């Protein structure tokens, strides 16, 4: 499954976030595949497209950062996949 993840850094020490990332990496489970990531221009949020077999893998990852980052996890599908899935109903 694909997920769009928004990491919100508001109210957190951004320097501490980037220190942890520098020193320990993403701290993500091996089963979580990060396809792309982007940082907002003001460095207040990170946007990621990730893939995992189930949402509990993302929850394990979020726990590693919950003292510094607030996560929003949104299941998504590509437009191409959605068109195929809905074709019989159109």
PDB file of N, CA and C in Angstrom:
ATOM      1  N   UNK A   1       0.840  -1.181   0.000  1.00  0.00           N
ATOM      2  CA  UNK A   1       0.000   0.000   0.000  1.00  0.00           C
ATOM      3  C   UNK A   1       0.880   1.238   0.000  1.00  0.00           C
ATOM      4  N   UNK A   2       0.389   2.264  -0.682  1.00  0.00           N
ATOM      5  CA  UNK A   2       1.075   3.553  -0.674  1.00  0.00           C
ATOM      6  C   UNK A   2       0.446   4.460   0.378  1.00  0.00           C
ATOM      7  N   UNK A   3       1.294   5.273   0.999  1.00  0.00           N
ATOM      8  CA  UNK A   3       0.840   6.233   1.996  1.00  0.00           C
ATOM      9  C   UNK A   3       1.524   7.565   1.744  1.00  0.00           C
ATOM     10  N   UNK A   4       0.766   8.637   1.903  1.00  0.00           N
ATOM     11  CA  UNK A   4       1.343   9.977   1.903  1.00  0.00           C
ATOM     12  C   UNK A   4       1.476  10.360   3.366  1.00  0.00           C
ATOM     13  N   UNK A   5       2.681  10.712   3.772  1.00  0.00           N
ATOM     14  CA  UNK A   5       2.952  11.025   5.171  1.00  0.00           C
ATOM     15  C   UNK A   5       3.352  12.489   5.278  1.00  0.00           C
ATOM     16  N   UNK A   6       2.738  13.177   6.207  1.00  0.00           N
ATOM     17  CA  UNK A   6       3.126  14.555   6.515  1.00  0.00           C
ATOM     18  C   UNK A   6       3.703  14.556   7.920  1.00  0.00           C
ATOM     19  N   UNK A   7       4.968  14.936   8.011  1.00  0.00           N
ATOM     20  CA  UNK A   7       5.623  15.094   9.314  1.00  0.00           C
ATOM     21  C   UNK A   7       5.573  16.578   9.652  1.00  0.00           C
ATOM     22  N   UNK A   8       4.924  16.915  10.735  1.00  0.00           N
ATOM     23  CA  UNK A   8       4.752  18.307  11.147  1.00  0.00           C
ATOM     24  C   UNK A   8       5.742  18.618  12.260  1.00  0.00           C
ATOM     25  N   UNK A   9       6.572  19.622  12.036  1.00  0.00           N
ATOM     26  CA  UNK A   9       7.608  19.991  12.996  1.00  0.00           C
ATOM     27  C   UNK A   9       7.225  21.200  13.849  1.00  0.00           C
ATOM     28  N   UNK A  10       6.009  21.727  13.696  1.00  0.00           N
ATOM     29  CA  UNK A  10       5.596  22.903  14.471  1.00  0.00           C
ATOM     30  C   UNK A  10       5.669  22.587  15.964  1.00  0.00           C
ATOM     31  N   UNK A  11       6.164  23.521  16.722  1.00  0.00           N
ATOM     32  CA  UNK A  11       6.260  23.340  18.159  1.00  0.00           C
ATOM     33  C   UNK A  11       7.409  22.451  18.592  1.00  0.00           C
ATOM     34  N   UNK A  12       8.250  22.036  17.659  1.00  0.00           N
ATOM     35  CA  UNK A  12       9.378  21.159  17.982  1.00  0.00           C
ATOM     36  C   UNK A  12      10.690  21.890  17.716  1.00  0.00           C
ATOM     37  N   UNK A  13      11.728  21.401  18.327  1.00  0.00           N
ATOM     38  CA  UNK A  13      13.076  21.933  18.103  1.00  0.00           C
ATOM     39  C   UNK A  13      13.594  21.337  16.798  1.00  0.00           C
ATOM     40  N   UNK A  14      13.542  22.114  15.728  1.00  0.00           N
ATOM     41  CA  UNK A  14      13.939  21.608  14.414  1.00  0.00           C
ATOM     42  C   UNK A  14      15.400  21.192  14.377  1.00  0.00           C
ATOM     43  N   UNK A  15      16.237  21.888  15.114  1.00  0.00           N
ATOM     44  CA  UNK A  15      17.644  21.485  15.151  1.00  0.00           C
ATOM     45  C   UNK A  15      17.788  20.093  15.743  1.00  0.00           C
ATOM     46  N   UNK A  16      16.989  19.775  16.767  1.00  0.00           N
ATOM     47  CA  UNK A  16      17.040  18.448  17.372  1.00  0.00           C
ATOM     48  C   UNK A  16      16.536  17.382  16.391  1.00  0.00           C
ATOM     49  N   UNK A  17      15.519  17.721  15.610  1.00  0.00           N
ATOM     50  CA  UNK A  17      15.021  16.790  14.593  1.00  0.00           C
ATOM     51  C   UNK A  17      16.129  16.466  13.601  1.00  0.00           C
ATOM     52  N   UNK A  18      16.786  17.486  13.085  1.00  0.00           N
ATOM     53  CA  UNK A  18      17.823  17.257  12.077  1.00  0.00           C
ATOM     54  C   UNK A  18      19.077  16.627  12.673  1.00  0.00           C
ATOM     55  N   UNK A  19      19.366  16.889  13.954  1.00  0.00           N
ATOM     56  CA  UNK A  19      20.473  16.197  14.626  1.00  0.00           C
ATOM     57  C   UNK A  19      20.199  14.703  14.712  1.00  0.00           C
ATOM     58  N   UNK A  20      18.987  14.346  15.136  1.00  0.00           N
ATOM     59  CA  UNK A  20      18.632  12.930  15.246  1.00  0.00           C
ATOM     60  C   UNK A  20      18.688  12.257  13.875  1.00  0.00           C
ATOM     61  N   UNK A  21      18.154  12.944  12.859  1.00  0.00           N
ATOM     62  CA  UNK A  21      18.189  12.393  11.509  1.00  0.00           C
ATOM     63  C   UNK A  21      19.638  12.198  11.047  1.00  0.00           C
ATOM     64  N   UNK A  22      20.492  13.174  11.322  1.00  0.00           N
ATOM     65  CA  UNK A  22      21.904  13.073  10.951  1.00  0.00           C
ATOM     66  C   UNK A  22      22.588  11.917  11.686  1.00  0.00           C
ATOM     67  N   UNK A  23      22.305  11.787  12.978  1.00  0.00           N
ATOM     68  CA  UNK A  23      23.003  10.803  13.805  1.00  0.00           C
ATOM     69  C   UNK A  23      22.424   9.385  13.692  1.00  0.00           C
ATOM     70  N   UNK A  24      21.109   9.271  13.471  1.00  0.00           N
ATOM     71  CA  UNK A  24      20.467   7.952  13.515  1.00  0.00           C
ATOM     72  C   UNK A  24      19.708   7.579  12.245  1.00  0.00           C
ATOM     73  N   UNK A  25      19.627   8.497  11.281  1.00  0.00           N
ATOM     74  CA  UNK A  25      18.872   8.224  10.069  1.00  0.00           C
ATOM     75  C   UNK A  25      17.376   8.350  10.305  1.00  0.00           C
ATOM     76  N   UNK A  26      16.598   7.768   9.414  1.00  0.00           N
ATOM     77  CA  UNK A  26      15.129   7.879   9.490  1.00  0.00           C
ATOM     78  C   UNK A  26      14.516   7.059  10.617  1.00  0.00           C
ATOM     79  N   UNK A  27      15.245   6.098  11.161  1.00  0.00           N
ATOM     80  CA  UNK A  27      14.745   5.211  12.216  1.00  0.00           C
ATOM     81  C   UNK A  27      13.506   4.444  11.773  1.00  0.00           C
ATOM     82  N   UNK A  28      13.444   4.131  10.509  1.00  0.00           N
ATOM     83  CA  UNK A  28      12.272   3.444   9.969  1.00  0.00           C
ATOM     84  C   UNK A  28      12.489   1.939   9.955  1.00  0.00           C
ATOM     85  N   UNK A  29      11.403   1.175  10.080  1.00  0.00           N
ATOM     86  CA  UNK A  29      11.528  -0.278   9.920  1.00  0.00           C
ATOM     87  C   UNK A  29      12.008  -0.614   8.506  1.00  0.00           C
ATOM     88  N   UNK A  30      12.728  -1.703   8.363  1.00  0.00           N
ATOM     89  CA  UNK A  30      13.238  -2.112   7.052  1.00  0.00           C
ATOM     90  C   UNK A  30      12.118  -2.343   6.045  1.00  0.00           C
ATOM     91  N   UNK A  31      10.935  -2.738   6.525  1.00  0.00           N
ATOM     92  CA  UNK A  31       9.814  -3.031   5.634  1.00  0.00           C
ATOM     93  C   UNK A  31       9.188  -1.784   5.017  1.00  0.00           C
ATOM     94  N   UNK A  32       9.548  -0.620   5.514  1.00  0.00           N
ATOM     95  CA  UNK A  32       8.993   0.632   5.004  1.00  0.00           C
ATOM     96  C   UNK A  32       9.893   1.165   3.891  1.00  0.00           C
ATOM     97  N   UNK A  33       9.309   1.358   2.716  1.00  0.00           N
ATOM     98  CA  UNK A  33      10.050   1.874   1.563  1.00  0.00           C
ATOM     99  C   UNK A  33       9.680   3.341   1.370  1.00  0.00           C
ATOM    100  N   UNK A  34      10.683   4.207   1.366  1.00  0.00           N
ATOM    101  CA  UNK A  34      10.466   5.631   1.112  1.00  0.00           C
ATOM    102  C   UNK A  34      10.752   5.878  -0.369  1.00  0.00           C
ATOM    103  N   UNK A  35       9.718   6.276  -1.120  1.00  0.00           N
ATOM    104  CA  UNK A  35       9.878   6.530  -2.549  1.00  0.00           C
ATOM    105  C   UNK A  35      10.374   7.944  -2.820  1.00  0.00           C
ATOM    106  N   UNK A  36       9.808   8.918  -2.134  1.00  0.00           N
ATOM    107  CA  UNK A  36      10.195  10.320  -2.324  1.00  0.00           C
ATOM    108  C   UNK A  36       9.967  11.072  -1.015  1.00  0.00           C
ATOM    109  N   UNK A  37      10.733  12.131  -0.828  1.00  0.00           N
ATOM    110  CA  UNK A  37      10.449  13.029   0.299  1.00  0.00           C
ATOM    111  C   UNK A  37      10.779  14.456  -0.108  1.00  0.00           C
ATOM    112  N   UNK A  38      10.031  15.379   0.465  1.00  0.00           N
ATOM    113  CA  UNK A  38      10.198  16.793   0.186  1.00  0.00           C
ATOM    114  C   UNK A  38      10.097  17.541   1.513  1.00  0.00           C
ATOM    115  N   UNK A  39      10.827  18.644   1.621  1.00  0.00           N
ATOM    116  CA  UNK A  39      10.775  19.504   2.810  1.00  0.00           C
ATOM    117  C   UNK A  39      10.148  20.835   2.408  1.00  0.00           C
ATOM    118  N   UNK A  40       9.215  21.337   3.210  1.00  0.00           N
ATOM    119  CA  UNK A  40       8.624  22.651   2.957  1.00  0.00           C
ATOM    120  C   UNK A  40       9.719  23.712   2.997  1.00  0.00           C
ATOM    121  N   UNK A  41       9.536  24.768   2.229  1.00  0.00           N
ATOM    122  CA  UNK A  41      10.547  25.824   2.135  1.00  0.00           C
ATOM    123  C   UNK A  41      10.899  26.416   3.498  1.00  0.00           C
ATOM    124  N   UNK A  42       9.928  26.484   4.405  1.00  0.00           N
ATOM    125  CA  UNK A  42      10.200  27.034   5.731  1.00  0.00           C
ATOM    126  C   UNK A  42      10.677  25.973   6.728  1.00  0.00           C
ATOM    127  N   UNK A  43      10.896  24.742   6.234  1.00  0.00           N
ATOM    128  CA  UNK A  43      11.393  23.624   7.033  1.00  0.00           C
ATOM    129  C   UNK A  43      10.450  23.240   8.172  1.00  0.00           C
ATOM    130  N   UNK A  44       9.159  23.551   8.025  1.00  0.00           N
ATOM    131  CA  UNK A  44       8.190  23.246   9.079  1.00  0.00           C
ATOM    132  C   UNK A  44       7.549  21.876   8.932  1.00  0.00           C
ATOM    133  N   UNK A  45       7.664  21.286   7.738  1.00  0.00           N
ATOM    134  CA  UNK A  45       7.050  19.993   7.484  1.00  0.00           C
ATOM    135  C   UNK A  45       7.863  19.214   6.459  1.00  0.00           C
ATOM    136  N   UNK A  46       7.699  17.903   6.517  1.00  0.00           N
ATOM    137  CA  UNK A  46       8.278  17.012   5.528  1.00  0.00           C
ATOM    138  C   UNK A  46       7.128  16.198   4.929  1.00  0.00           C
ATOM    139  N   UNK A  47       7.153  16.006   3.619  1.00  0.00           N
ATOM    140  CA  UNK A  47       6.128  15.258   2.900  1.00  0.00           C
ATOM    141  C   UNK A  47       6.806  14.037   2.282  1.00  0.00           C
ATOM    142  N   UNK A  48       6.232  12.862   2.497  1.00  0.00           N
ATOM    143  CA  UNK A  48       6.846  11.635   1.998  1.00  0.00           C
ATOM    144  C   UNK A  48       5.813  10.760   1.311  1.00  0.00           C
ATOM    145  N   UNK A  49       6.251  10.084   0.259  1.00  0.00           N
ATOM    146  CA  UNK A  49       5.482   9.016  -0.341  1.00  0.00           C
ATOM    147  C   UNK A  49       6.184   7.729   0.040  1.00  0.00           C
ATOM    148  N   UNK A  50       5.475   6.872   0.785  1.00  0.00           N
ATOM    149  CA  UNK A  50       6.085   5.645   1.302  1.00  0.00           C
ATOM    150  C   UNK A  50       5.212   4.450   0.941  1.00  0.00           C
ATOM    151  N   UNK A  51       5.799   3.264   1.083  1.00  0.00           N
ATOM    152  CA  UNK A  51       5.070   2.032   0.798  1.00  0.00           C
ATOM    153  C   UNK A  51       5.312   1.039   1.923  1.00  0.00           C
ATOM    154  N   UNK A  52       4.235   0.376   2.328  1.00  0.00           N
ATOM    155  CA  UNK A  52       4.316  -0.644   3.379  1.00  0.00           C
ATOM    156  C   UNK A  52       3.142  -1.603   3.205  1.00  0.00           C
ATOM    157  N   UNK A  53       3.313  -2.820   3.696  1.00  0.00           N
ATOM    158  CA  UNK A  53       2.248  -3.819   3.593  1.00  0.00           C
ATOM    159  C   UNK A  53       1.068  -3.520   4.510  1.00  0.00           C
ATOM    160  N   UNK A  54       1.341  -2.846   5.624  1.00  0.00           N
ATOM    161  CA  UNK A  54       0.229  -2.458   6.498  1.00  0.00           C
ATOM    162  C   UNK A  54       0.626  -1.253   7.339  1.00  0.00           C
ATOM    163  N   UNK A  55      -0.385  -0.565   7.818  1.00  0.00           N
ATOM    164  CA  UNK A  55      -0.179   0.711   8.499  1.00  0.00           C
ATOM    165  C   UNK A  55       0.589   0.560   9.817  1.00  0.00           C
ATOM    166  N   UNK A  56       0.580  -0.611  10.425  1.00  0.00           N
ATOM    167  CA  UNK A  56       1.299  -0.767  11.693  1.00  0.00           C
ATOM    168  C   UNK A  56       2.805  -0.568  11.517  1.00  0.00           C
ATOM    169  N   UNK A  57       3.313  -0.805  10.316  1.00  0.00           N
ATOM    170  CA  UNK A  57       4.730  -0.537  10.045  1.00  0.00           C
ATOM    171  C   UNK A  57       5.002   0.955  10.175  1.00  0.00           C
ATOM    172  N   UNK A  58       4.102   1.774   9.671  1.00  0.00           N
ATOM    173  CA  UNK A  58       4.256   3.225   9.800  1.00  0.00           C
ATOM    174  C   UNK A  58       4.093   3.675  11.245  1.00  0.00           C
ATOM    175  N   UNK A  59       3.199   3.024  11.964  1.00  0.00           N
ATOM    176  CA  UNK A  59       2.999   3.374  13.370  1.00  0.00           C
ATOM    177  C   UNK A  59       4.259   3.087  14.185  1.00  0.00           C
ATOM    178  N   UNK A  60       4.936   1.967  13.886  1.00  0.00           N
ATOM    179  CA  UNK A  60       6.209   1.669  14.567  1.00  0.00           C
ATOM    180  C   UNK A  60       7.239   2.763  14.288  1.00  0.00           C
ATOM    181  N   UNK A  61       7.248   3.263  13.065  1.00  0.00           N
ATOM    182  CA  UNK A  61       8.176   4.327  12.686  1.00  0.00           C
ATOM    183  C   UNK A  61       7.832   5.628  13.419  1.00  0.00           C
ATOM    184  N   UNK A  62       6.559   5.974  13.448  1.00  0.00           N
ATOM    185  CA  UNK A  62       6.130   7.224  14.086  1.00  0.00           C
ATOM    186  C   UNK A  62       6.486   7.244  15.569  1.00  0.00           C
ATOM    187  N   UNK A  63       6.434   6.089  16.227  1.00  0.00           N
ATOM    188  CA  UNK A  63       6.776   6.022  17.654  1.00  0.00           C
ATOM    189  C   UNK A  63       8.212   6.477  17.906  1.00  0.00           C
ATOM    190  N   UNK A  64       9.112   6.198  16.953  1.00  0.00           N
ATOM    191  CA  UNK A  64      10.516   6.598  17.109  1.00  0.00           C
ATOM    192  C   UNK A  64      10.692   8.114  17.132  1.00  0.00           C
ATOM    193  N   UNK A  65       9.715   8.849  16.607  1.00  0.00           N
ATOM    194  CA  UNK A  65       9.816  10.302  16.466  1.00  0.00           C
ATOM    195  C   UNK A  65       8.753  11.063  17.248  1.00  0.00           C
ATOM    196  N   UNK A  66       7.871  10.367  17.959  1.00  0.00           N
ATOM    197  CA  UNK A  66       6.704  11.041  18.535  1.00  0.00           C
ATOM    198  C   UNK A  66       7.032  12.111  19.567  1.00  0.00           C
ATOM    199  N   UNK A  67       8.253  12.149  20.062  1.00  0.00           N
ATOM    200  CA  UNK A  67       8.632  13.213  20.986  1.00  0.00           C
ATOM    201  C   UNK A  67       8.954  14.517  20.265  1.00  0.00           C
ATOM    202  N   UNK A  68       9.175  14.447  18.934  1.00  0.00           N
ATOM    203  CA  UNK A  68       9.567  15.632  18.180  1.00  0.00           C
ATOM    204  C   UNK A  68       8.662  15.953  16.991  1.00  0.00           C
ATOM    205  N   UNK A  69       7.991  14.944  16.441  1.00  0.00           N
ATOM    206  CA  UNK A  69       7.275  15.101  15.178  1.00  0.00           C
ATOM    207  C   UNK A  69       5.847  14.582  15.310  1.00  0.00           C
ATOM    208  N   UNK A  70       4.905  15.324  14.720  1.00  0.00           N
ATOM    209  CA  UNK A  70       3.528  14.857  14.637  1.00  0.00           C
ATOM    210  C   UNK A  70       3.304  14.318  13.228  1.00  0.00           C
ATOM    211  N   UNK A  71       2.788  13.093  13.128  1.00  0.00           N
ATOM    212  CA  UNK A  71       2.590  12.429  11.846  1.00  0.00           C
ATOM    213  C   UNK A  71       1.135  12.459  11.421  1.00  0.00           C
ATOM    214  N   UNK A  72       0.909  12.686  10.128  1.00  0.00           N
ATOM    215  CA  UNK A  72      -0.382  12.451   9.504  1.00  0.00           C
ATOM    216  C   UNK A  72      -0.127  11.405   8.420  1.00  0.00           C
ATOM    217  N   UNK A  73      -0.841  10.289   8.468  1.00  0.00           N
ATOM    218  CA  UNK A  73      -0.627   9.167   7.553  1.00  0.00           C
ATOM    219  C   UNK A  73      -1.902   8.965   6.740  1.00  0.00           C
ATOM    220  N   UNK A  74      -1.777   9.094   5.410  1.00  0.00           N
ATOM    221  CA  UNK A  74      -2.927   9.047   4.523  1.00  0.00           C
ATOM    222  C   UNK A  74      -2.725   7.934   3.488  1.00  0.00           C
ATOM    223  N   UNK A  75      -3.569   6.896   3.493  1.00  0.00           N
ATOM    224  CA  UNK A  75      -3.468   5.873   2.442  1.00  0.00           C
ATOM    225  C   UNK A  75      -3.841   6.501   1.096  1.00  0.00           C
ATOM    226  N   UNK A  76      -3.077   6.206   0.046  1.00  0.00           N
ATOM    227  CA  UNK A  76      -3.332   6.766  -1.276  1.00  0.00           C
ATOM    228  C   UNK A  76      -3.173   5.686  -2.348  1.00  0.00           C
ATOM    229  N   UNK A  77      -3.701   5.986  -3.526  1.00  0.00           N
ATOM    230  CA  UNK A  77      -3.524   5.146  -4.712  1.00  0.00           C
ATOM    231  C   UNK A  77      -3.171   6.064  -5.868  1.00  0.00           C
ATOM    232  N   UNK A  78      -2.431   5.552  -6.818  1.00  0.00           N
ATOM    233  CA  UNK A  78      -2.106   6.369  -7.988  1.00  0.00           C
ATOM    234  C   UNK A  78      -3.378   6.604  -8.799  1.00  0.00           C
ATOM    235  N   UNK A  79      -3.417   7.677  -9.546  1.00  0.00           N
ATOM    236  CA  UNK A  79      -4.573   7.965 -10.404  1.00  0.00           C
ATOM    237  C   UNK A  79      -4.781   6.832 -11.399  1.00  0.00           C
ATOM    238  N   UNK A  80      -3.704   6.313 -11.971  1.00  0.00           N
ATOM    239  CA  UNK A  80      -3.786   5.214 -12.933  1.00  0.00           C
ATOM    240  C   UNK A  80      -4.453   3.988 -12.301  1.00  0.00           C
ATOM    241  N   UNK A  81      -4.027   3.615 -11.082  1.00  0.00           N
ATOM    242  CA  UNK A  81      -4.629   2.473 -10.403  1.00  0.00           C
ATOM    243  C   UNK A  81      -6.091   2.705 -10.077  1.00  0.00           C
ATOM    244  N   UNK A  82      -6.443   3.912  -9.725  1.00  0.00           N
ATOM    245  CA  UNK A  82      -7.832   4.226  -9.386  1.00  0.00           C
ATOM    246  C   UNK A  82      -8.719   4.146 -10.623  1.00  0.00           C
ATOM    247  N   UNK A  83      -8.228   4.617 -11.771  1.00  0.00           N
ATOM    248  CA  UNK A  83      -9.002   4.521 -13.021  1.00  0.00           C
ATOM    249  C   UNK A  83      -9.268   3.049 -13.363  1.00  0.00           C
ATOM    250  N   UNK A  84      -8.252   2.217 -13.225  1.00  0.00           N
ATOM    251  CA  UNK A  84      -8.431   0.785 -13.499  1.00  0.00           C
ATOM    252  C   UNK A  84      -9.446   0.181 -12.527  1.00  0.00           C
ATOM    253  N   UNK A  85      -9.336   0.513 -11.258  1.00  0.00           N
ATOM    254  CA  UNK A  85     -10.231  -0.048 -10.242  1.00  0.00           C
ATOM    255  C   UNK A  85     -11.684   0.371 -10.479  1.00  0.00           C
ATOM    256  N   UNK A  86     -11.890   1.553 -10.999  1.00  0.00           N
ATOM    257  CA  UNK A  86     -13.254   2.077 -11.185  1.00  0.00           C
ATOM    258  C   UNK A  86     -13.805   1.844 -12.583  1.00  0.00           C
ATOM    259  N   UNK A  87     -13.003   1.339 -13.490  1.00  0.00           N
ATOM    260  CA  UNK A  87     -13.394   1.221 -14.897  1.00  0.00           C
ATOM    261  C   UNK A  87     -14.716   0.494 -15.082  1.00  0.00           C
ATOM    262  N   UNK A  88     -14.927  -0.566 -14.366  1.00  0.00           N
ATOM    263  CA  UNK A  88     -16.160  -1.340 -14.519  1.00  0.00           C
ATOM    264  C   UNK A  88     -17.392  -0.605 -14.023  1.00  0.00           C
ATOM    265  N   UNK A  89     -17.188   0.429 -13.226  1.00  0.00           N
ATOM    266  CA  UNK A  89     -18.317   1.177 -12.634  1.00  0.00           C
ATOM    267  C   UNK A  89     -18.609   2.478 -13.374  1.00  0.00           C
ATOM    268  N   UNK A  90     -17.855   2.760 -14.412  1.00  0.00           N
ATOM    269  CA  UNK A  90     -18.039   4.034 -15.132  1.00  0.00           C
ATOM    270  C   UNK A  90     -18.850   3.846 -16.398  1.00  0.00           C
TER     271      UNK A  90
END
